[in-house]
Amino acid sequence: MAITLTVDSCVAQVIRWGQARLNKVDYLGDGATTLVAGDMIRINTAGQVVLAAVDASGAGNVHGMCLKTYTAAVPATTPVPIILFSIDTVIRMQCHTTDLPSAHTVGLSYTIYNGGSGVWTLTYTTTNGCMTVVDQPSYANWYDQILSPSLQYGFVDVKVATQAILDGRAA
């Protein structure tokens, strides 16, 4: 049976934690942003959890992933459970639009796209890229054909592009 994926249909998943850590108490909402489990997040200069910056230049584009769904903006007094990525954390992301996984070059950094409902995908734009492709997953076995590098809207493995992105704080 052929596998068919659609645009912005799969949530990103952490496949190698590395030095990433779970944080449930240190960072609060900003009172304006509604977060969904799976959202890529960043910590702003006030230490609040907001959505990742998809195409910002410089540091602070993405710091981790939200683990809880909220139905309204997260109050500035509410701690948000998040995973804080490290430079060795690997995330499997779906490719955005019709780009094939094989079109993404290992070692190059690309921007991310917020597809809504916690779905974030990897674009084919390298300008201000914040996620570096580290691998095109294997599809050698019948049960993982969904990882074929020629599958439209397929998957690639990425990590945060530089330590500077993780260390930075973006407004």
Protein backbone atom coordinates (compact mmCIF):
# COMPACT_ATOMS: atom_id res chain seq x y z
CA MET A 1 0.00 0.00 0.00
CA ALA A 2 1.37 3.41 -0.94
CA ILE A 3 1.87 5.98 1.77
CA THR A 4 0.55 9.48 1.20
CA LEU A 5 1.46 12.45 3.37
CA THR A 6 -0.08 15.89 3.20
CA VAL A 7 1.41 19.30 3.84
CA ASP A 8 1.84 20.25 7.51
CA SER A 9 0.35 17.04 8.85
CA CYS A 10 2.99 15.65 11.23
CA VAL A 11 4.22 17.03 14.54
CA ALA A 12 7.99 17.30 15.00
CA GLN A 13 9.40 14.77 17.44
CA VAL A 14 12.56 14.61 19.51
CA ILE A 15 14.37 11.43 18.48
CA ARG A 16 17.63 11.99 20.39
CA TRP A 17 17.51 13.99 23.60
CA GLY A 18 21.23 14.52 24.01
CA GLN A 19 21.63 17.11 26.77
CA ALA A 20 18.07 18.45 26.34
CA ARG A 21 16.14 18.82 29.55
CA LEU A 22 12.55 18.91 30.66
CA ASN A 23 11.59 22.16 32.38
CA LYS A 24 8.24 22.55 34.12
CA VAL A 25 8.68 25.52 36.46
CA ASP A 26 11.17 28.15 35.32
CA TYR A 27 9.47 29.78 32.35
CA LEU A 28 6.08 31.48 32.28
CA GLY A 29 3.64 32.37 29.52
CA ASP A 30 3.63 35.92 28.15
CA GLY A 31 -0.09 36.61 28.51
CA ALA A 32 -0.55 36.94 24.73
CA THR A 33 0.58 33.66 23.14
CA THR A 34 -1.60 30.56 22.91
CA LEU A 35 0.63 27.47 22.84
CA VAL A 36 -0.07 23.95 21.64
CA ALA A 37 1.83 20.77 22.48
CA GLY A 38 4.49 20.36 19.79
CA ASP A 39 4.98 24.10 19.21
CA MET A 40 8.58 25.15 18.72
CA ILE A 41 9.24 27.86 21.31
CA ARG A 42 11.80 30.44 22.31
CA ILE A 43 12.41 32.25 25.56
CA ASN A 44 12.11 36.02 25.15
CA THR A 45 14.18 38.65 26.99
CA ALA A 46 11.65 38.65 29.83
CA GLY A 47 12.11 34.90 30.33
CA GLN A 48 8.67 34.09 28.90
CA VAL A 49 7.72 31.27 26.54
CA VAL A 50 6.64 32.47 23.07
CA LEU A 51 6.51 30.89 19.62
CA ALA A 52 9.82 30.32 17.84
CA ALA A 53 10.99 32.95 15.38
CA VAL A 54 10.75 31.24 12.01
CA ASP A 55 13.03 33.49 9.97
CA ALA A 56 14.77 35.89 12.34
CA SER A 57 18.43 36.62 11.87
CA GLY A 58 20.76 36.18 14.80
CA ALA A 59 20.41 34.25 18.02
CA GLY A 60 17.28 33.14 19.81
CA ASN A 61 15.17 31.65 17.00
CA VAL A 62 14.27 28.42 18.81
CA HIS A 63 15.04 27.10 22.27
CA GLY A 64 12.76 24.09 22.63
CA MET A 65 9.29 22.59 22.37
CA CYS A 66 6.05 23.13 24.30
CA LEU A 67 4.62 20.02 25.97
CA LYS A 68 1.10 21.20 26.85
CA THR A 69 -1.88 22.52 24.90
CA TYR A 70 -3.58 25.70 26.11
CA THR A 71 -6.98 26.88 24.86
CA ALA A 72 -6.17 30.56 25.42
CA ALA A 73 -3.14 32.78 25.85
CA VAL A 74 -0.92 31.46 28.63
CA PRO A 75 -1.03 33.91 31.57
CA ALA A 76 2.25 35.53 32.60
CA THR A 77 1.86 33.78 35.97
CA THR A 78 1.55 30.23 34.56
CA PRO A 79 4.61 27.98 34.23
CA VAL A 80 4.79 26.29 30.81
CA PRO A 81 6.20 22.74 30.60
CA ILE A 82 8.82 22.69 27.84
CA ILE A 83 11.76 20.72 26.52
CA LEU A 84 14.85 22.92 26.30
CA PHE A 85 16.95 21.72 23.38
CA SER A 86 20.72 21.40 23.46
CA ILE A 87 23.16 21.48 20.56
CA ASP A 88 23.08 17.67 20.36
CA THR A 89 19.28 17.25 20.47
CA VAL A 90 17.96 15.75 17.22
CA ILE A 91 14.42 16.47 16.03
CA ARG A 92 12.63 14.68 13.18
CA MET A 93 10.65 17.20 11.12
CA GLN A 94 8.37 16.91 8.14
CA CYS A 95 9.39 18.83 5.00
CA HIS A 96 7.18 21.79 4.17
CA THR A 97 5.39 22.17 0.84
CA THR A 98 6.44 19.77 -1.91
CA ASP A 99 10.14 19.65 -1.01
CA LEU A 100 11.53 16.14 -0.85
CA PRO A 101 13.76 15.13 2.04
CA SER A 102 16.51 14.34 -0.50
CA ALA A 103 16.43 18.00 -1.60
CA HIS A 104 17.69 19.10 1.83
CA THR A 105 21.45 19.01 2.14
CA VAL A 106 23.00 17.51 5.26
CA GLY A 107 24.97 20.27 6.98
CA LEU A 108 22.88 23.18 5.68
CA SER A 109 20.54 25.18 7.93
CA TYR A 110 16.95 25.89 6.95
CA THR A 111 14.10 27.97 8.36
CA ILE A 112 11.07 26.42 10.01
CA TYR A 113 7.38 26.96 9.30
CA ASN A 114 4.50 27.09 11.77
CA GLY A 115 1.70 25.04 10.24
CA GLY A 116 -0.56 25.56 13.26
CA SER A 117 -1.94 23.10 15.82
CA GLY A 118 1.57 22.23 17.02
CA VAL A 119 2.79 21.24 13.56
CA TRP A 120 6.15 22.74 12.55
CA THR A 121 7.90 21.82 9.32
CA LEU A 122 11.26 22.44 7.68
CA THR A 123 11.28 24.80 4.69
CA TYR A 124 13.73 24.80 1.81
CA THR A 125 14.89 28.35 2.63
CA THR A 126 18.45 28.65 3.93
CA THR A 127 18.45 32.41 4.55
CA ASN A 128 18.40 32.85 8.36
CA GLY A 129 18.12 29.08 8.79
CA CYS A 130 17.92 27.94 12.40
CA MET A 131 17.76 24.14 12.00
CA THR A 132 20.61 22.16 10.46
CA VAL A 133 19.91 18.90 8.66
CA VAL A 134 21.97 16.14 10.27
CA ASP A 135 20.51 13.07 8.57
CA GLN A 136 18.01 11.71 6.11
CA PRO A 137 16.48 8.79 8.00
CA SER A 138 16.94 5.25 6.73
CA TYR A 139 14.10 3.54 4.96
CA ALA A 140 15.81 0.21 4.32
CA ASN A 141 13.06 -1.84 5.97
CA TRP A 142 9.50 -2.31 4.74
CA TYR A 143 8.03 -0.88 7.94
CA ASP A 144 9.76 2.49 7.67
CA GLN A 145 9.06 3.33 4.04
CA ILE A 146 7.52 6.55 5.36
CA LEU A 147 11.12 7.74 5.75
CA SER A 148 11.92 7.49 2.05
CA PRO A 149 13.97 10.50 0.89
CA SER A 150 11.81 10.66 -2.24
CA LEU A 151 8.48 10.83 -0.38
CA GLN A 152 6.74 14.17 -0.86
CA TYR A 153 6.29 15.94 2.51
CA GLY A 154 8.72 13.39 3.97
CA PHE A 155 11.04 13.69 6.97
CA VAL A 156 14.55 14.83 7.81
CA ASP A 157 16.47 14.88 11.08
CA VAL A 158 17.64 18.29 12.28
CA LYS A 159 19.27 20.01 15.23
CA VAL A 160 19.44 23.63 16.31
CA ALA A 161 21.96 25.23 13.96
CA THR A 162 24.37 26.78 16.47
CA GLN A 163 24.93 27.16 20.19
CA ALA A 164 24.48 30.91 19.66
CA ILE A 165 20.83 30.33 18.71
CA LEU A 166 20.29 28.39 21.92
CA ASP A 167 22.17 30.89 24.08
CA GLY A 168 20.54 33.98 22.56
CA ARG A 169 17.44 35.70 23.85
CA ALA A 170 15.17 37.20 21.22
CA ALA A 171 12.52 39.81 21.99
